[in-house]
Amino acid sequence: MGRAAPRLGEGPETGTCFQALTPSRRPAVGALVHRHTLTPDRALDLLRAHALSTDTDLTTLAYAIVYEHLTLPDVHDPHP
Protein backbone atom coordinates (compact mmCIF):
# COMPACT_ATOMS: atom_id res chain seq x y z
CA MET A 1 0.00 0.00 0.00
CA GLY A 2 1.08 3.56 -0.61
CA ARG A 3 2.04 5.89 2.15
CA ALA A 4 -0.46 8.49 3.25
CA ALA A 5 0.57 12.08 2.71
CA PRO A 6 1.85 13.63 5.94
CA ARG A 7 -0.43 16.08 7.69
CA LEU A 8 0.88 19.54 8.34
CA GLY A 9 3.23 19.51 11.27
CA GLU A 10 4.24 15.89 10.61
CA GLY A 11 6.40 16.46 7.54
CA PRO A 12 9.67 18.27 7.02
CA GLU A 13 8.01 21.69 6.84
CA THR A 14 8.21 23.96 9.83
CA GLY A 15 6.11 26.85 11.03
CA THR A 16 2.42 27.46 10.68
CA CYS A 17 -0.04 25.96 8.26
CA PHE A 18 0.10 29.07 6.08
CA GLN A 19 3.86 28.83 5.66
CA ALA A 20 3.55 25.29 4.33
CA LEU A 21 0.93 26.22 1.71
CA THR A 22 1.62 27.30 -1.82
CA PRO A 23 0.81 30.95 -2.52
CA SER A 24 -2.16 29.96 -4.70
CA ARG A 25 -3.80 27.96 -1.90
CA ARG A 26 -3.05 30.21 1.06
CA PRO A 27 -5.84 32.74 0.30
CA ALA A 28 -8.41 29.94 0.01
CA VAL A 29 -7.50 28.56 3.42
CA GLY A 30 -7.67 32.08 4.82
CA ALA A 31 -11.10 32.61 3.27
CA LEU A 32 -12.41 29.36 4.78
CA VAL A 33 -10.94 30.27 8.18
CA HIS A 34 -12.62 33.68 8.04
CA ARG A 35 -15.99 32.62 6.60
CA HIS A 36 -16.51 29.57 8.79
CA THR A 37 -14.42 30.26 11.91
CA LEU A 38 -12.19 27.24 11.34
CA THR A 39 -8.62 26.56 12.31
CA PRO A 40 -6.17 26.74 9.40
CA ASP A 41 -5.50 22.99 9.66
CA ARG A 42 -9.24 22.20 9.57
CA ALA A 43 -9.74 24.54 6.61
CA LEU A 44 -6.91 22.86 4.72
CA ASP A 45 -8.33 19.42 5.52
CA LEU A 46 -11.71 20.52 4.14
CA LEU A 47 -10.11 22.02 1.04
CA ARG A 48 -8.23 18.78 0.34
CA ALA A 49 -11.25 16.58 1.08
CA HIS A 50 -13.52 18.60 -1.20
CA ALA A 51 -10.97 18.57 -4.02
CA LEU A 52 -10.60 14.81 -3.69
CA SER A 53 -14.33 14.11 -3.49
CA THR A 54 -15.09 16.26 -6.54
CA ASP A 55 -11.97 15.27 -8.50
CA THR A 56 -10.96 18.93 -8.70
CA ASP A 57 -7.43 20.27 -8.80
CA LEU A 58 -6.57 22.04 -5.52
CA THR A 59 -5.41 25.20 -7.28
CA THR A 60 -8.63 25.38 -9.31
CA LEU A 61 -10.71 24.89 -6.19
CA ALA A 62 -8.71 27.50 -4.29
CA TYR A 63 -9.28 30.00 -7.10
CA ALA A 64 -13.03 29.33 -7.05
CA ILE A 65 -13.21 29.83 -3.28
CA VAL A 66 -11.35 33.14 -3.37
CA TYR A 67 -12.42 34.75 -6.63
CA GLU A 68 -15.79 33.11 -7.37
CA HIS A 69 -16.88 32.97 -3.72
CA LEU A 70 -17.50 29.22 -3.87
CA THR A 71 -18.74 27.86 -0.56
CA LEU A 72 -18.16 24.28 0.47
CA PRO A 73 -21.27 22.30 1.44
CA ASP A 74 -21.86 21.55 5.12
CA VAL A 75 -18.79 23.37 6.41
CA HIS A 76 -18.65 23.45 10.17
CA ASP A 77 -16.05 22.76 12.78
CA PRO A 78 -17.18 20.20 15.33
CA HIS A 79 -14.26 21.22 17.56
CA PRO A 80 -14.54 25.02 17.95
PDB file of N, CA and C in Angstrom:
ATOM      1  N   MET A   1       0.831  -1.182   0.000  1.00  0.00           N
ATOM      2  CA  MET A   1       0.000   0.000   0.000  1.00  0.00           C
ATOM      3  C   MET A   1       0.869   1.236   0.000  1.00  0.00           C
ATOM      4  N   GLY A   2       0.353   2.300  -0.573  1.00  0.00           N
ATOM      5  CA  GLY A   2       1.079   3.557  -0.609  1.00  0.00           C
ATOM      6  C   GLY A   2       1.033   4.258   0.733  1.00  0.00           C
ATOM      7  N   ARG A   3       1.992   5.102   0.912  1.00  0.00           N
ATOM      8  CA  ARG A   3       2.045   5.886   2.147  1.00  0.00           C
ATOM      9  C   ARG A   3       1.080   7.048   2.074  1.00  0.00           C
ATOM     10  N   ALA A   4       0.430   7.328   3.174  1.00  0.00           N
ATOM     11  CA  ALA A   4      -0.458   8.490   3.246  1.00  0.00           C
ATOM     12  C   ALA A   4       0.387   9.757   3.287  1.00  0.00           C
ATOM     13  N   ALA A   5      -0.133  10.808   2.678  1.00  0.00           N
ATOM     14  CA  ALA A   5       0.569  12.083   2.710  1.00  0.00           C
ATOM     15  C   ALA A   5       0.631  12.589   4.149  1.00  0.00           C
ATOM     16  N   PRO A   6       1.761  13.137   4.561  1.00  0.00           N
ATOM     17  CA  PRO A   6       1.846  13.634   5.942  1.00  0.00           C
ATOM     18  C   PRO A   6       0.933  14.829   6.140  1.00  0.00           C
ATOM     19  N   ARG A   7       0.376  14.917   7.329  1.00  0.00           N
ATOM     20  CA  ARG A   7      -0.430  16.080   7.687  1.00  0.00           C
ATOM     21  C   ARG A   7       0.529  17.203   8.039  1.00  0.00           C
ATOM     22  N   LEU A   8       0.035  18.417   7.974  1.00  0.00           N
ATOM     23  CA  LEU A   8       0.881  19.543   8.339  1.00  0.00           C
ATOM     24  C   LEU A   8       1.387  19.360   9.761  1.00  0.00           C
ATOM     25  N   GLY A   9       2.634  19.662   9.957  1.00  0.00           N
ATOM     26  CA  GLY A   9       3.234  19.506  11.266  1.00  0.00           C
ATOM     27  C   GLY A   9       3.896  18.148  11.447  1.00  0.00           C
ATOM     28  N   GLU A  10       3.639  17.204  10.511  1.00  0.00           N
ATOM     29  CA  GLU A  10       4.241  15.888  10.605  1.00  0.00           C
ATOM     30  C   GLU A  10       5.353  15.696   9.574  1.00  0.00           C
ATOM     31  N   GLY A  11       5.409  16.569   8.598  1.00  0.00           N
ATOM     32  CA  GLY A  11       6.404  16.458   7.545  1.00  0.00           C
ATOM     33  C   GLY A  11       7.616  17.320   7.833  1.00  0.00           C
ATOM     34  N   PRO A  12       8.440  17.507   6.816  1.00  0.00           N
ATOM     35  CA  PRO A  12       9.668  18.269   7.022  1.00  0.00           C
ATOM     36  C   PRO A  12       9.445  19.780   7.137  1.00  0.00           C
ATOM     37  N   GLU A  13       8.244  20.246   6.768  1.00  0.00           N
ATOM     38  CA  GLU A  13       8.010  21.687   6.840  1.00  0.00           C
ATOM     39  C   GLU A  13       7.957  22.149   8.291  1.00  0.00           C
ATOM     40  N   THR A  14       8.266  23.392   8.489  1.00  0.00           N
ATOM     41  CA  THR A  14       8.209  23.958   9.830  1.00  0.00           C
ATOM     42  C   THR A  14       7.350  25.196   9.808  1.00  0.00           C
ATOM     43  N   GLY A  15       6.906  25.636  10.949  1.00  0.00           N
ATOM     44  CA  GLY A  15       6.112  26.848  11.034  1.00  0.00           C
ATOM     45  C   GLY A  15       4.626  26.557  10.966  1.00  0.00           C
ATOM     46  N   THR A  16       3.872  27.580  10.669  1.00  0.00           N
ATOM     47  CA  THR A  16       2.422  27.457  10.683  1.00  0.00           C
ATOM     48  C   THR A  16       1.911  26.830   9.397  1.00  0.00           C
ATOM     49  N   CYS A  17       0.643  26.516   9.410  1.00  0.00           N
ATOM     50  CA  CYS A  17      -0.036  25.958   8.256  1.00  0.00           C
ATOM     51  C   CYS A  17       0.158  26.849   7.037  1.00  0.00           C
ATOM     52  N   PHE A  18       0.013  28.157   7.204  1.00  0.00           N
ATOM     53  CA  PHE A  18       0.101  29.073   6.075  1.00  0.00           C
ATOM     54  C   PHE A  18       1.483  29.059   5.441  1.00  0.00           C
ATOM     55  N   GLN A  19       2.516  28.862   6.219  1.00  0.00           N
ATOM     56  CA  GLN A  19       3.864  28.834   5.662  1.00  0.00           C
ATOM     57  C   GLN A  19       4.079  27.604   4.795  1.00  0.00           C
ATOM     58  N   ALA A  20       3.374  26.529   5.073  1.00  0.00           N
ATOM     59  CA  ALA A  20       3.547  25.295   4.332  1.00  0.00           C
ATOM     60  C   ALA A  20       2.719  25.263   3.048  1.00  0.00           C
ATOM     61  N   LEU A  21       1.802  26.190   2.885  1.00  0.00           N
ATOM     62  CA  LEU A  21       0.934  26.217   1.714  1.00  0.00           C
ATOM     63  C   LEU A  21       1.581  26.945   0.555  1.00  0.00           C
ATOM     64  N   THR A  22       1.178  26.555  -0.653  1.00  0.00           N
ATOM     65  CA  THR A  22       1.625  27.300  -1.817  1.00  0.00           C
ATOM     66  C   THR A  22       0.886  28.628  -1.856  1.00  0.00           C
ATOM     67  N   PRO A  23       1.465  29.638  -2.470  1.00  0.00           N
ATOM     68  CA  PRO A  23       0.813  30.952  -2.518  1.00  0.00           C
ATOM     69  C   PRO A  23      -0.580  30.924  -3.147  1.00  0.00           C
ATOM     70  N   SER A  24      -0.839  30.002  -4.069  1.00  0.00           N
ATOM     71  CA  SER A  24      -2.159  29.961  -4.705  1.00  0.00           C
ATOM     72  C   SER A  24      -3.225  29.373  -3.790  1.00  0.00           C
ATOM     73  N   ARG A  25      -2.832  28.601  -2.801  1.00  0.00           N
ATOM     74  CA  ARG A  25      -3.802  27.959  -1.903  1.00  0.00           C
ATOM     75  C   ARG A  25      -3.989  28.708  -0.588  1.00  0.00           C
ATOM     76  N   ARG A  26      -3.011  29.486  -0.212  1.00  0.00           N
ATOM     77  CA  ARG A  26      -3.051  30.209   1.064  1.00  0.00           C
ATOM     78  C   ARG A  26      -4.282  31.109   1.198  1.00  0.00           C
ATOM     79  N   PRO A  27      -4.653  31.896   0.160  1.00  0.00           N
ATOM     80  CA  PRO A  27      -5.842  32.743   0.297  1.00  0.00           C
ATOM     81  C   PRO A  27      -7.134  31.936   0.478  1.00  0.00           C
ATOM     82  N   ALA A  28      -7.211  30.766  -0.130  1.00  0.00           N
ATOM     83  CA  ALA A  28      -8.413  29.936   0.011  1.00  0.00           C
ATOM     84  C   ALA A  28      -8.553  29.428   1.437  1.00  0.00           C
ATOM     85  N   VAL A  29      -7.457  29.004   2.029  1.00  0.00           N
ATOM     86  CA  VAL A  29      -7.504  28.559   3.421  1.00  0.00           C
ATOM     87  C   VAL A  29      -7.893  29.729   4.316  1.00  0.00           C
ATOM     88  N   GLY A  30      -7.313  30.891   4.050  1.00  0.00           N
ATOM     89  CA  GLY A  30      -7.665  32.083   4.821  1.00  0.00           C
ATOM     90  C   GLY A  30      -9.137  32.434   4.690  1.00  0.00           C
ATOM     91  N   ALA A  31      -9.681  32.312   3.484  1.00  0.00           N
ATOM     92  CA  ALA A  31     -11.097  32.605   3.269  1.00  0.00           C
ATOM     93  C   ALA A  31     -11.980  31.633   4.043  1.00  0.00           C
ATOM     94  N   LEU A  32     -11.625  30.350   4.033  1.00  0.00           N
ATOM     95  CA  LEU A  32     -12.405  29.362   4.782  1.00  0.00           C
ATOM     96  C   LEU A  32     -12.311  29.611   6.288  1.00  0.00           C
ATOM     97  N   VAL A  33     -11.131  29.959   6.755  1.00  0.00           N
ATOM     98  CA  VAL A  33     -10.944  30.273   8.177  1.00  0.00           C
ATOM     99  C   VAL A  33     -11.858  31.440   8.565  1.00  0.00           C
ATOM    100  N   HIS A  34     -11.839  32.476   7.747  1.00  0.00           N
ATOM    101  CA  HIS A  34     -12.621  33.675   8.040  1.00  0.00           C
ATOM    102  C   HIS A  34     -14.132  33.425   7.921  1.00  0.00           C
ATOM    103  N   ARG A  35     -14.550  32.813   6.847  1.00  0.00           N
ATOM    104  CA  ARG A  35     -15.986  32.618   6.601  1.00  0.00           C
ATOM    105  C   ARG A  35     -16.645  31.657   7.575  1.00  0.00           C
ATOM    106  N   HIS A  36     -15.894  30.644   8.010  1.00  0.00           N
ATOM    107  CA  HIS A  36     -16.506  29.567   8.788  1.00  0.00           C
ATOM    108  C   HIS A  36     -15.915  29.394  10.178  1.00  0.00           C
ATOM    109  N   THR A  37     -15.057  30.302  10.595  1.00  0.00           N
ATOM    110  CA  THR A  37     -14.419  30.265  11.911  1.00  0.00           C
ATOM    111  C   THR A  37     -13.778  28.894  12.162  1.00  0.00           C
ATOM    112  N   LEU A  38     -12.905  28.509  11.247  1.00  0.00           N
ATOM    113  CA  LEU A  38     -12.187  27.243  11.338  1.00  0.00           C
ATOM    114  C   LEU A  38     -10.730  27.493  11.698  1.00  0.00           C
ATOM    115  N   THR A  39     -10.066  26.477  12.163  1.00  0.00           N
ATOM    116  CA  THR A  39      -8.620  26.563  12.311  1.00  0.00           C
ATOM    117  C   THR A  39      -8.001  26.409  10.921  1.00  0.00           C
ATOM    118  N   PRO A  40      -6.806  26.918  10.712  1.00  0.00           N
ATOM    119  CA  PRO A  40      -6.168  26.737   9.401  1.00  0.00           C
ATOM    120  C   PRO A  40      -6.005  25.264   9.011  1.00  0.00           C
ATOM    121  N   ASP A  41      -5.647  24.414   9.970  1.00  0.00           N
ATOM    122  CA  ASP A  41      -5.502  22.988   9.664  1.00  0.00           C
ATOM    123  C   ASP A  41      -6.833  22.369   9.231  1.00  0.00           C
ATOM    124  N   ARG A  42      -7.914  22.722   9.924  1.00  0.00           N
ATOM    125  CA  ARG A  42      -9.245  22.200   9.569  1.00  0.00           C
ATOM    126  C   ARG A  42      -9.664  22.712   8.194  1.00  0.00           C
ATOM    127  N   ALA A  43      -9.396  23.977   7.912  1.00  0.00           N
ATOM    128  CA  ALA A  43      -9.742  24.540   6.609  1.00  0.00           C
ATOM    129  C   ALA A  43      -8.979  23.834   5.491  1.00  0.00           C
ATOM    130  N   LEU A  44      -7.704  23.568   5.713  1.00  0.00           N
ATOM    131  CA  LEU A  44      -6.907  22.860   4.716  1.00  0.00           C
ATOM    132  C   LEU A  44      -7.418  21.435   4.532  1.00  0.00           C
ATOM    133  N   ASP A  45      -7.769  20.766   5.622  1.00  0.00           N
ATOM    134  CA  ASP A  45      -8.333  19.417   5.518  1.00  0.00           C
ATOM    135  C   ASP A  45      -9.606  19.428   4.680  1.00  0.00           C
ATOM    136  N   LEU A  46     -10.472  20.417   4.908  1.00  0.00           N
ATOM    137  CA  LEU A  46     -11.714  20.517   4.138  1.00  0.00           C
ATOM    138  C   LEU A  46     -11.438  20.820   2.669  1.00  0.00           C
ATOM    139  N   LEU A  47     -10.474  21.695   2.416  1.00  0.00           N
ATOM    140  CA  LEU A  47     -10.108  22.017   1.042  1.00  0.00           C
ATOM    141  C   LEU A  47      -9.629  20.767   0.317  1.00  0.00           C
ATOM    142  N   ARG A  48      -8.749  20.027   0.948  1.00  0.00           N
ATOM    143  CA  ARG A  48      -8.235  18.782   0.341  1.00  0.00           C
ATOM    144  C   ARG A  48      -9.339  17.752   0.144  1.00  0.00           C
ATOM    145  N   ALA A  49     -10.179  17.568   1.156  1.00  0.00           N
ATOM    146  CA  ALA A  49     -11.252  16.578   1.077  1.00  0.00           C
ATOM    147  C   ALA A  49     -12.231  16.919  -0.041  1.00  0.00           C
ATOM    148  N   HIS A  50     -12.579  18.200  -0.160  1.00  0.00           N
ATOM    149  CA  HIS A  50     -13.521  18.604  -1.204  1.00  0.00           C
ATOM    150  C   HIS A  50     -12.904  18.411  -2.584  1.00  0.00           C
ATOM    151  N   ALA A  51     -11.644  18.759  -2.731  1.00  0.00           N
ATOM    152  CA  ALA A  51     -10.966  18.572  -4.019  1.00  0.00           C
ATOM    153  C   ALA A  51     -10.941  17.093  -4.399  1.00  0.00           C
ATOM    154  N   LEU A  52     -10.648  16.248  -3.432  1.00  0.00           N
ATOM    155  CA  LEU A  52     -10.598  14.807  -3.689  1.00  0.00           C
ATOM    156  C   LEU A  52     -11.983  14.252  -4.033  1.00  0.00           C
ATOM    157  N   SER A  53     -12.989  14.659  -3.270  1.00  0.00           N
ATOM    158  CA  SER A  53     -14.333  14.107  -3.486  1.00  0.00           C
ATOM    159  C   SER A  53     -14.971  14.589  -4.783  1.00  0.00           C
ATOM    160  N   THR A  54     -14.527  15.732  -5.293  1.00  0.00           N
ATOM    161  CA  THR A  54     -15.089  16.262  -6.536  1.00  0.00           C
ATOM    162  C   THR A  54     -14.135  16.116  -7.713  1.00  0.00           C
ATOM    163  N   ASP A  55     -12.995  15.459  -7.476  1.00  0.00           N
ATOM    164  CA  ASP A  55     -11.972  15.270  -8.504  1.00  0.00           C
ATOM    165  C   ASP A  55     -11.580  16.610  -9.135  1.00  0.00           C
ATOM    166  N   THR A  56     -11.328  17.592  -8.265  1.00  0.00           N
ATOM    167  CA  THR A  56     -10.962  18.932  -8.695  1.00  0.00           C
ATOM    168  C   THR A  56      -9.536  19.225  -8.265  1.00  0.00           C
ATOM    169  N   ASP A  57      -8.777  19.853  -9.138  1.00  0.00           N
ATOM    170  CA  ASP A  57      -7.426  20.271  -8.804  1.00  0.00           C
ATOM    171  C   ASP A  57      -7.480  21.271  -7.648  1.00  0.00           C
ATOM    172  N   LEU A  58      -6.572  21.150  -6.686  1.00  0.00           N
ATOM    173  CA  LEU A  58      -6.568  22.042  -5.519  1.00  0.00           C
ATOM    174  C   LEU A  58      -6.425  23.517  -5.900  1.00  0.00           C
ATOM    175  N   THR A  59      -5.602  23.804  -6.876  1.00  0.00           N
ATOM    176  CA  THR A  59      -5.411  25.200  -7.276  1.00  0.00           C
ATOM    177  C   THR A  59      -6.682  25.761  -7.906  1.00  0.00           C
ATOM    178  N   THR A  60      -7.362  24.962  -8.700  1.00  0.00           N
ATOM    179  CA  THR A  60      -8.627  25.383  -9.313  1.00  0.00           C
ATOM    180  C   THR A  60      -9.678  25.628  -8.244  1.00  0.00           C
ATOM    181  N   LEU A  61      -9.751  24.733  -7.283  1.00  0.00           N
ATOM    182  CA  LEU A  61     -10.710  24.886  -6.190  1.00  0.00           C
ATOM    183  C   LEU A  61     -10.383  26.122  -5.359  1.00  0.00           C
ATOM    184  N   ALA A  62      -9.115  26.323  -5.066  1.00  0.00           N
ATOM    185  CA  ALA A  62      -8.705  27.496  -4.292  1.00  0.00           C
ATOM    186  C   ALA A  62      -9.098  28.783  -5.011  1.00  0.00           C
ATOM    187  N   TYR A  63      -8.894  28.827  -6.324  1.00  0.00           N
ATOM    188  CA  TYR A  63      -9.278  30.004  -7.100  1.00  0.00           C
ATOM    189  C   TYR A  63     -10.780  30.256  -6.991  1.00  0.00           C
ATOM    190  N   ALA A  64     -11.574  29.191  -7.119  1.00  0.00           N
ATOM    191  CA  ALA A  64     -13.034  29.328  -7.055  1.00  0.00           C
ATOM    192  C   ALA A  64     -13.484  29.831  -5.686  1.00  0.00           C
ATOM    193  N   ILE A  65     -12.840  29.384  -4.632  1.00  0.00           N
ATOM    194  CA  ILE A  65     -13.206  29.830  -3.284  1.00  0.00           C
ATOM    195  C   ILE A  65     -12.906  31.319  -3.106  1.00  0.00           C
ATOM    196  N   VAL A  66     -11.767  31.745  -3.583  1.00  0.00           N
ATOM    197  CA  VAL A  66     -11.353  33.136  -3.372  1.00  0.00           C
ATOM    198  C   VAL A  66     -12.027  34.097  -4.345  1.00  0.00           C
ATOM    199  N   TYR A  67     -11.997  33.779  -5.618  1.00  0.00           N
ATOM    200  CA  TYR A  67     -12.423  34.748  -6.629  1.00  0.00           C
ATOM    201  C   TYR A  67     -13.862  34.565  -7.115  1.00  0.00           C
ATOM    202  N   GLU A  68     -14.407  33.357  -6.948  1.00  0.00           N
ATOM    203  CA  GLU A  68     -15.787  33.113  -7.370  1.00  0.00           C
ATOM    204  C   GLU A  68     -16.700  32.910  -6.168  1.00  0.00           C
ATOM    205  N   HIS A  69     -16.147  33.072  -4.981  1.00  0.00           N
ATOM    206  CA  HIS A  69     -16.876  32.966  -3.715  1.00  0.00           C
ATOM    207  C   HIS A  69     -17.600  31.628  -3.561  1.00  0.00           C
ATOM    208  N   LEU A  70     -16.960  30.567  -4.044  1.00  0.00           N
ATOM    209  CA  LEU A  70     -17.498  29.223  -3.871  1.00  0.00           C
ATOM    210  C   LEU A  70     -17.554  28.896  -2.385  1.00  0.00           C
ATOM    211  N   THR A  71     -18.648  28.333  -1.942  1.00  0.00           N
ATOM    212  CA  THR A  71     -18.742  27.855  -0.563  1.00  0.00           C
ATOM    213  C   THR A  71     -18.791  26.339  -0.577  1.00  0.00           C
ATOM    214  N   LEU A  72     -18.153  25.732   0.377  1.00  0.00           N
ATOM    215  CA  LEU A  72     -18.163  24.284   0.469  1.00  0.00           C
ATOM    216  C   LEU A  72     -19.414  23.842   1.220  1.00  0.00           C
ATOM    217  N   PRO A  73     -20.039  22.759   0.777  1.00  0.00           N
ATOM    218  CA  PRO A  73     -21.267  22.305   1.439  1.00  0.00           C
ATOM    219  C   PRO A  73     -20.989  21.786   2.847  1.00  0.00           C
ATOM    220  N   ASP A  74     -21.903  22.086   3.741  1.00  0.00           N
ATOM    221  CA  ASP A  74     -21.858  21.553   5.116  1.00  0.00           C
ATOM    222  C   ASP A  74     -20.542  21.815   5.827  1.00  0.00           C
ATOM    223  N   VAL A  75     -20.037  23.026   5.716  1.00  0.00           N
ATOM    224  CA  VAL A  75     -18.790  23.368   6.406  1.00  0.00           C
ATOM    225  C   VAL A  75     -19.124  23.798   7.828  1.00  0.00           C
ATOM    226  N   HIS A  76     -18.561  23.075   8.770  1.00  0.00           N
ATOM    227  CA  HIS A  76     -18.652  23.448  10.175  1.00  0.00           C
ATOM    228  C   HIS A  76     -17.513  22.777  10.903  1.00  0.00           C
ATOM    229  N   ASP A  77     -17.140  23.328  11.990  1.00  0.00           N
ATOM    230  CA  ASP A  77     -16.049  22.763  12.777  1.00  0.00           C
ATOM    231  C   ASP A  77     -16.628  22.145  14.041  1.00  0.00           C
ATOM    232  N   PRO A  78     -16.604  20.832  14.149  1.00  0.00           N
ATOM    233  CA  PRO A  78     -17.176  20.198  15.332  1.00  0.00           C
ATOM    234  C   PRO A  78     -16.349  20.408  16.594  1.00  0.00           C
ATOM    235  N   HIS A  79     -15.157  20.969  16.429  1.00  0.00           N
ATOM    236  CA  HIS A  79     -14.264  21.220  17.564  1.00  0.00           C
ATOM    237  C   HIS A  79     -13.905  22.692  17.613  1.00  0.00           C
ATOM    238  N   PRO A  80     -14.835  23.576  17.960  1.00  0.00           N
ATOM    239  CA  PRO A  80     -14.542  25.024  17.954  1.00  0.00           C
ATOM    240  C   PRO A  80     -13.469  25.413  18.940  1.00  0.00           C
TER     241      PRO A  80
END
